[in-house]
Amino acid sequence: MAEKLKSLGVEVDQFKTMKFDALQTYQVLVDKSLDADSFMQDQVRLTVNKKVSQQAKDWVTVHFERPQVPNSDEIIASNDEAIESGGEQSRPSPVV
């Protein structure tokens, strides 16, 4: 089954389980006066497939591209170009 999942591109690491001797574990719990039956329970573990997560991030990047904020040098250069070309922006006149 692991080989089939690998061939489909599924990461099998998410299905690994801890290996331990159940009888020895049970005996240790009983010896320590712990409730061994409540210790041995099935647990559901949900994980996110890394490939699907990366595909979602890539999709968001493509469809919701963040605008690049110009740095201060670019802003100053664009203001100077507008002033030189007689654009709407002008430098303030000195107060007399």
N, C-alpha and C. Protein backbone atom coordinates (compact mmCIF):
# COMPACT_ATOMS: atom_id res chain seq x y z
N MET A 1 0.82 -1.18 0.00
CA MET A 1 0.00 0.00 0.00
C MET A 1 0.87 1.25 0.00
N ALA A 2 1.97 1.20 0.76
CA ALA A 2 2.86 2.35 0.81
C ALA A 2 3.42 2.66 -0.57
N GLU A 3 3.77 1.65 -1.32
CA GLU A 3 4.31 1.86 -2.67
C GLU A 3 3.27 2.51 -3.58
N LYS A 4 2.01 2.09 -3.46
CA LYS A 4 0.94 2.68 -4.27
C LYS A 4 0.76 4.15 -3.92
N LEU A 5 0.79 4.48 -2.62
CA LEU A 5 0.66 5.87 -2.20
C LEU A 5 1.84 6.70 -2.71
N LYS A 6 3.04 6.14 -2.64
CA LYS A 6 4.21 6.85 -3.14
C LYS A 6 4.10 7.10 -4.64
N SER A 7 3.59 6.11 -5.38
CA SER A 7 3.44 6.28 -6.83
C SER A 7 2.40 7.35 -7.17
N LEU A 8 1.45 7.58 -6.26
CA LEU A 8 0.43 8.62 -6.45
C LEU A 8 0.91 9.98 -5.96
N GLY A 9 2.12 10.02 -5.39
CA GLY A 9 2.68 11.29 -4.92
C GLY A 9 2.27 11.66 -3.51
N VAL A 10 1.75 10.70 -2.75
CA VAL A 10 1.34 10.97 -1.37
C VAL A 10 2.53 10.73 -0.45
N GLU A 11 2.75 11.67 0.47
CA GLU A 11 3.83 11.49 1.43
C GLU A 11 3.39 10.49 2.48
N VAL A 12 4.15 9.40 2.62
CA VAL A 12 3.76 8.34 3.54
C VAL A 12 4.26 8.57 4.96
N ASP A 13 5.10 9.61 5.16
CA ASP A 13 5.60 9.89 6.51
C ASP A 13 4.47 10.20 7.48
N GLN A 14 3.38 10.74 6.98
CA GLN A 14 2.26 11.10 7.85
C GLN A 14 1.57 9.88 8.46
N PHE A 15 1.83 8.69 7.90
CA PHE A 15 1.19 7.47 8.40
C PHE A 15 2.08 6.65 9.32
N LYS A 16 3.29 7.15 9.60
CA LYS A 16 4.20 6.39 10.46
C LYS A 16 3.64 6.34 11.88
N THR A 17 3.84 5.23 12.51
CA THR A 17 3.38 5.06 13.89
C THR A 17 4.56 4.71 14.79
N MET A 18 4.39 4.95 16.06
CA MET A 18 5.43 4.59 17.02
C MET A 18 5.41 3.07 17.19
N LYS A 19 6.60 2.48 17.27
CA LYS A 19 6.68 1.05 17.49
C LYS A 19 7.01 0.81 18.96
N PHE A 20 6.17 0.05 19.64
CA PHE A 20 6.43 -0.31 21.02
C PHE A 20 5.74 -1.63 21.32
N ASP A 21 6.20 -2.27 22.36
CA ASP A 21 5.62 -3.54 22.78
C ASP A 21 4.40 -3.23 23.65
N ALA A 22 3.21 -3.54 23.15
CA ALA A 22 1.97 -3.21 23.84
C ALA A 22 1.85 -3.90 25.19
N LEU A 23 2.26 -5.17 25.28
CA LEU A 23 2.16 -5.89 26.55
C LEU A 23 3.10 -5.31 27.61
N GLN A 24 4.31 -4.98 27.19
CA GLN A 24 5.26 -4.40 28.13
C GLN A 24 4.78 -3.01 28.59
N THR A 25 4.26 -2.22 27.66
CA THR A 25 3.73 -0.90 28.01
C THR A 25 2.57 -1.03 28.97
N TYR A 26 1.67 -1.97 28.70
CA TYR A 26 0.52 -2.19 29.57
C TYR A 26 0.98 -2.58 30.98
N GLN A 27 1.97 -3.45 31.06
CA GLN A 27 2.47 -3.91 32.36
C GLN A 27 3.11 -2.77 33.15
N VAL A 28 3.86 -1.91 32.48
CA VAL A 28 4.49 -0.77 33.15
C VAL A 28 3.42 0.17 33.70
N LEU A 29 2.37 0.40 32.92
CA LEU A 29 1.30 1.28 33.39
C LEU A 29 0.57 0.69 34.60
N VAL A 30 0.31 -0.61 34.56
CA VAL A 30 -0.36 -1.27 35.69
C VAL A 30 0.54 -1.23 36.92
N ASP A 31 1.85 -1.47 36.75
CA ASP A 31 2.78 -1.43 37.86
C ASP A 31 2.84 -0.05 38.52
N LYS A 32 2.63 0.99 37.74
CA LYS A 32 2.67 2.36 38.27
C LYS A 32 1.29 2.83 38.70
N SER A 33 0.33 1.94 38.75
CA SER A 33 -1.05 2.24 39.16
C SER A 33 -1.72 3.28 38.27
N LEU A 34 -1.42 3.22 36.99
CA LEU A 34 -2.06 4.11 36.02
C LEU A 34 -3.12 3.32 35.26
N ASP A 35 -4.14 4.02 34.78
CA ASP A 35 -5.22 3.38 34.04
C ASP A 35 -4.73 3.06 32.62
N ALA A 36 -4.33 1.83 32.41
CA ALA A 36 -3.77 1.43 31.12
C ALA A 36 -4.81 1.47 30.02
N ASP A 37 -6.07 1.19 30.33
CA ASP A 37 -7.12 1.19 29.30
C ASP A 37 -7.35 2.59 28.75
N SER A 38 -7.28 3.61 29.60
CA SER A 38 -7.48 4.97 29.09
C SER A 38 -6.25 5.46 28.32
N PHE A 39 -5.08 4.89 28.64
CA PHE A 39 -3.87 5.26 27.92
C PHE A 39 -3.89 4.75 26.49
N MET A 40 -4.38 3.54 26.29
CA MET A 40 -4.41 2.91 24.98
C MET A 40 -5.69 3.30 24.24
N GLN A 41 -5.67 4.47 23.61
CA GLN A 41 -6.82 4.94 22.85
C GLN A 41 -6.37 5.34 21.46
N ASP A 42 -7.29 5.22 20.52
CA ASP A 42 -7.02 5.70 19.17
C ASP A 42 -7.08 7.22 19.18
N GLN A 43 -6.19 7.83 18.44
CA GLN A 43 -6.18 9.27 18.31
C GLN A 43 -6.18 9.63 16.84
N VAL A 44 -7.04 10.57 16.49
CA VAL A 44 -7.09 11.06 15.12
C VAL A 44 -6.11 12.22 15.00
N ARG A 45 -5.28 12.16 13.99
CA ARG A 45 -4.31 13.22 13.76
C ARG A 45 -4.50 13.75 12.35
N LEU A 46 -4.82 15.02 12.25
CA LEU A 46 -5.04 15.65 10.96
C LEU A 46 -3.80 16.45 10.57
N THR A 47 -3.37 16.29 9.34
CA THR A 47 -2.23 17.04 8.85
C THR A 47 -2.58 17.62 7.49
N VAL A 48 -1.82 18.61 7.09
CA VAL A 48 -2.01 19.25 5.79
C VAL A 48 -0.98 18.67 4.83
N ASN A 49 -1.44 18.24 3.68
CA ASN A 49 -0.54 17.75 2.65
C ASN A 49 0.33 18.90 2.19
N LYS A 50 1.65 18.75 2.25
CA LYS A 50 2.57 19.84 1.92
C LYS A 50 2.45 20.28 0.47
N LYS A 51 2.21 19.33 -0.43
CA LYS A 51 2.09 19.69 -1.84
C LYS A 51 0.84 20.52 -2.09
N VAL A 52 -0.26 20.14 -1.45
CA VAL A 52 -1.50 20.90 -1.61
C VAL A 52 -1.34 22.29 -0.99
N SER A 53 -0.68 22.37 0.13
CA SER A 53 -0.43 23.65 0.79
C SER A 53 0.39 24.56 -0.11
N GLN A 54 1.42 24.03 -0.74
CA GLN A 54 2.26 24.83 -1.62
C GLN A 54 1.48 25.26 -2.86
N GLN A 55 0.63 24.37 -3.40
CA GLN A 55 -0.19 24.75 -4.55
C GLN A 55 -1.13 25.89 -4.20
N ALA A 56 -1.71 25.85 -3.00
CA ALA A 56 -2.61 26.92 -2.57
C ALA A 56 -1.85 28.23 -2.43
N LYS A 57 -0.65 28.18 -1.85
CA LYS A 57 0.16 29.41 -1.71
C LYS A 57 0.52 29.97 -3.08
N ASP A 58 0.90 29.10 -4.01
CA ASP A 58 1.24 29.55 -5.37
C ASP A 58 0.04 30.19 -6.05
N TRP A 59 -1.15 29.59 -5.89
CA TRP A 59 -2.36 30.13 -6.50
C TRP A 59 -2.67 31.52 -5.95
N VAL A 60 -2.54 31.68 -4.63
CA VAL A 60 -2.79 32.99 -4.01
C VAL A 60 -1.79 34.01 -4.53
N THR A 61 -0.53 33.61 -4.66
CA THR A 61 0.50 34.52 -5.16
C THR A 61 0.19 34.99 -6.57
N VAL A 62 -0.28 34.07 -7.41
CA VAL A 62 -0.57 34.42 -8.80
C VAL A 62 -1.82 35.30 -8.90
N HIS A 63 -2.88 34.95 -8.18
CA HIS A 63 -4.16 35.64 -8.33
C HIS A 63 -4.32 36.86 -7.44
N PHE A 64 -3.55 36.96 -6.40
CA PHE A 64 -3.65 38.09 -5.48
C PHE A 64 -2.27 38.69 -5.27
N GLU A 65 -1.67 39.13 -6.37
CA GLU A 65 -0.32 39.65 -6.31
C GLU A 65 -0.29 40.94 -5.50
N ARG A 66 0.65 41.02 -4.59
CA ARG A 66 0.78 42.21 -3.77
C ARG A 66 1.50 43.29 -4.58
N PRO A 67 0.98 44.51 -4.55
CA PRO A 67 1.69 45.57 -5.26
C PRO A 67 3.00 45.90 -4.56
N GLN A 68 4.00 46.19 -5.35
CA GLN A 68 5.30 46.53 -4.79
C GLN A 68 5.29 47.99 -4.36
N VAL A 69 5.68 48.24 -3.14
CA VAL A 69 5.76 49.60 -2.63
C VAL A 69 7.07 50.20 -3.11
N PRO A 70 7.00 51.36 -3.78
CA PRO A 70 8.25 51.95 -4.25
C PRO A 70 9.08 52.46 -3.08
N ASN A 71 10.39 52.38 -3.25
CA ASN A 71 11.25 52.89 -2.18
C ASN A 71 11.33 54.41 -2.29
N SER A 72 11.91 55.05 -1.32
CA SER A 72 11.92 56.52 -1.26
C SER A 72 12.67 57.14 -2.44
N ASP A 73 13.72 56.49 -2.94
CA ASP A 73 14.46 57.03 -4.09
C ASP A 73 13.58 57.07 -5.33
N GLU A 74 12.76 56.04 -5.55
CA GLU A 74 11.87 56.02 -6.70
C GLU A 74 10.81 57.11 -6.60
N ILE A 75 10.30 57.35 -5.40
CA ILE A 75 9.29 58.39 -5.20
C ILE A 75 9.88 59.76 -5.51
N ILE A 76 11.09 60.02 -5.01
CA ILE A 76 11.75 61.31 -5.25
C ILE A 76 12.02 61.49 -6.73
N ALA A 77 12.49 60.44 -7.40
CA ALA A 77 12.79 60.53 -8.82
C ALA A 77 11.53 60.81 -9.63
N SER A 78 10.41 60.17 -9.29
CA SER A 78 9.18 60.41 -10.04
C SER A 78 8.66 61.82 -9.79
N ASN A 79 8.83 62.35 -8.59
CA ASN A 79 8.42 63.73 -8.30
C ASN A 79 9.27 64.72 -9.08
N ASP A 80 10.58 64.48 -9.15
CA ASP A 80 11.48 65.36 -9.90
C ASP A 80 11.14 65.34 -11.38
N GLU A 81 10.79 64.18 -11.93
CA GLU A 81 10.41 64.09 -13.34
C GLU A 81 9.14 64.88 -13.62
N ALA A 82 8.19 64.80 -12.72
CA ALA A 82 6.93 65.53 -12.90
C ALA A 82 7.17 67.03 -12.84
N ILE A 83 8.06 67.46 -11.98
CA ILE A 83 8.35 68.90 -11.85
C ILE A 83 9.07 69.41 -13.08
N GLU A 84 10.06 68.62 -13.57
CA GLU A 84 10.84 69.04 -14.74
C GLU A 84 9.99 69.08 -16.00
N SER A 85 9.03 68.20 -16.11
CA SER A 85 8.21 68.16 -17.32
C SER A 85 7.02 69.11 -17.23
N GLY A 86 6.97 69.93 -16.19
CA GLY A 86 5.88 70.88 -16.05
C GLY A 86 4.59 70.24 -15.60
N GLY A 87 4.72 69.17 -14.85
CA GLY A 87 3.56 68.46 -14.35
C GLY A 87 2.80 69.27 -13.32
N GLU A 88 1.78 68.68 -12.78
CA GLU A 88 0.92 69.39 -11.84
C GLU A 88 1.63 69.69 -10.53
N GLN A 89 2.57 68.88 -10.16
CA GLN A 89 3.26 69.10 -8.90
C GLN A 89 4.24 70.26 -9.05
N SER A 90 4.35 71.07 -8.06
CA SER A 90 5.34 72.13 -8.08
C SER A 90 5.93 72.26 -6.69
N ARG A 91 7.09 72.85 -6.67
CA ARG A 91 7.74 73.07 -5.40
C ARG A 91 7.07 74.28 -4.73
N PRO A 92 6.96 74.23 -3.42
CA PRO A 92 6.32 75.37 -2.76
C PRO A 92 7.20 76.62 -2.87
N SER A 93 6.53 77.73 -3.03
CA SER A 93 7.26 78.98 -3.14
C SER A 93 7.68 79.44 -1.75
N PRO A 94 8.82 80.09 -1.67
CA PRO A 94 9.28 80.53 -0.35
C PRO A 94 8.35 81.63 0.18
N VAL A 95 8.18 81.63 1.48
CA VAL A 95 7.36 82.65 2.13
C VAL A 95 8.20 83.86 2.38
N VAL A 96 7.69 85.03 1.97
CA VAL A 96 8.45 86.27 2.12
C VAL A 96 8.01 87.00 3.34
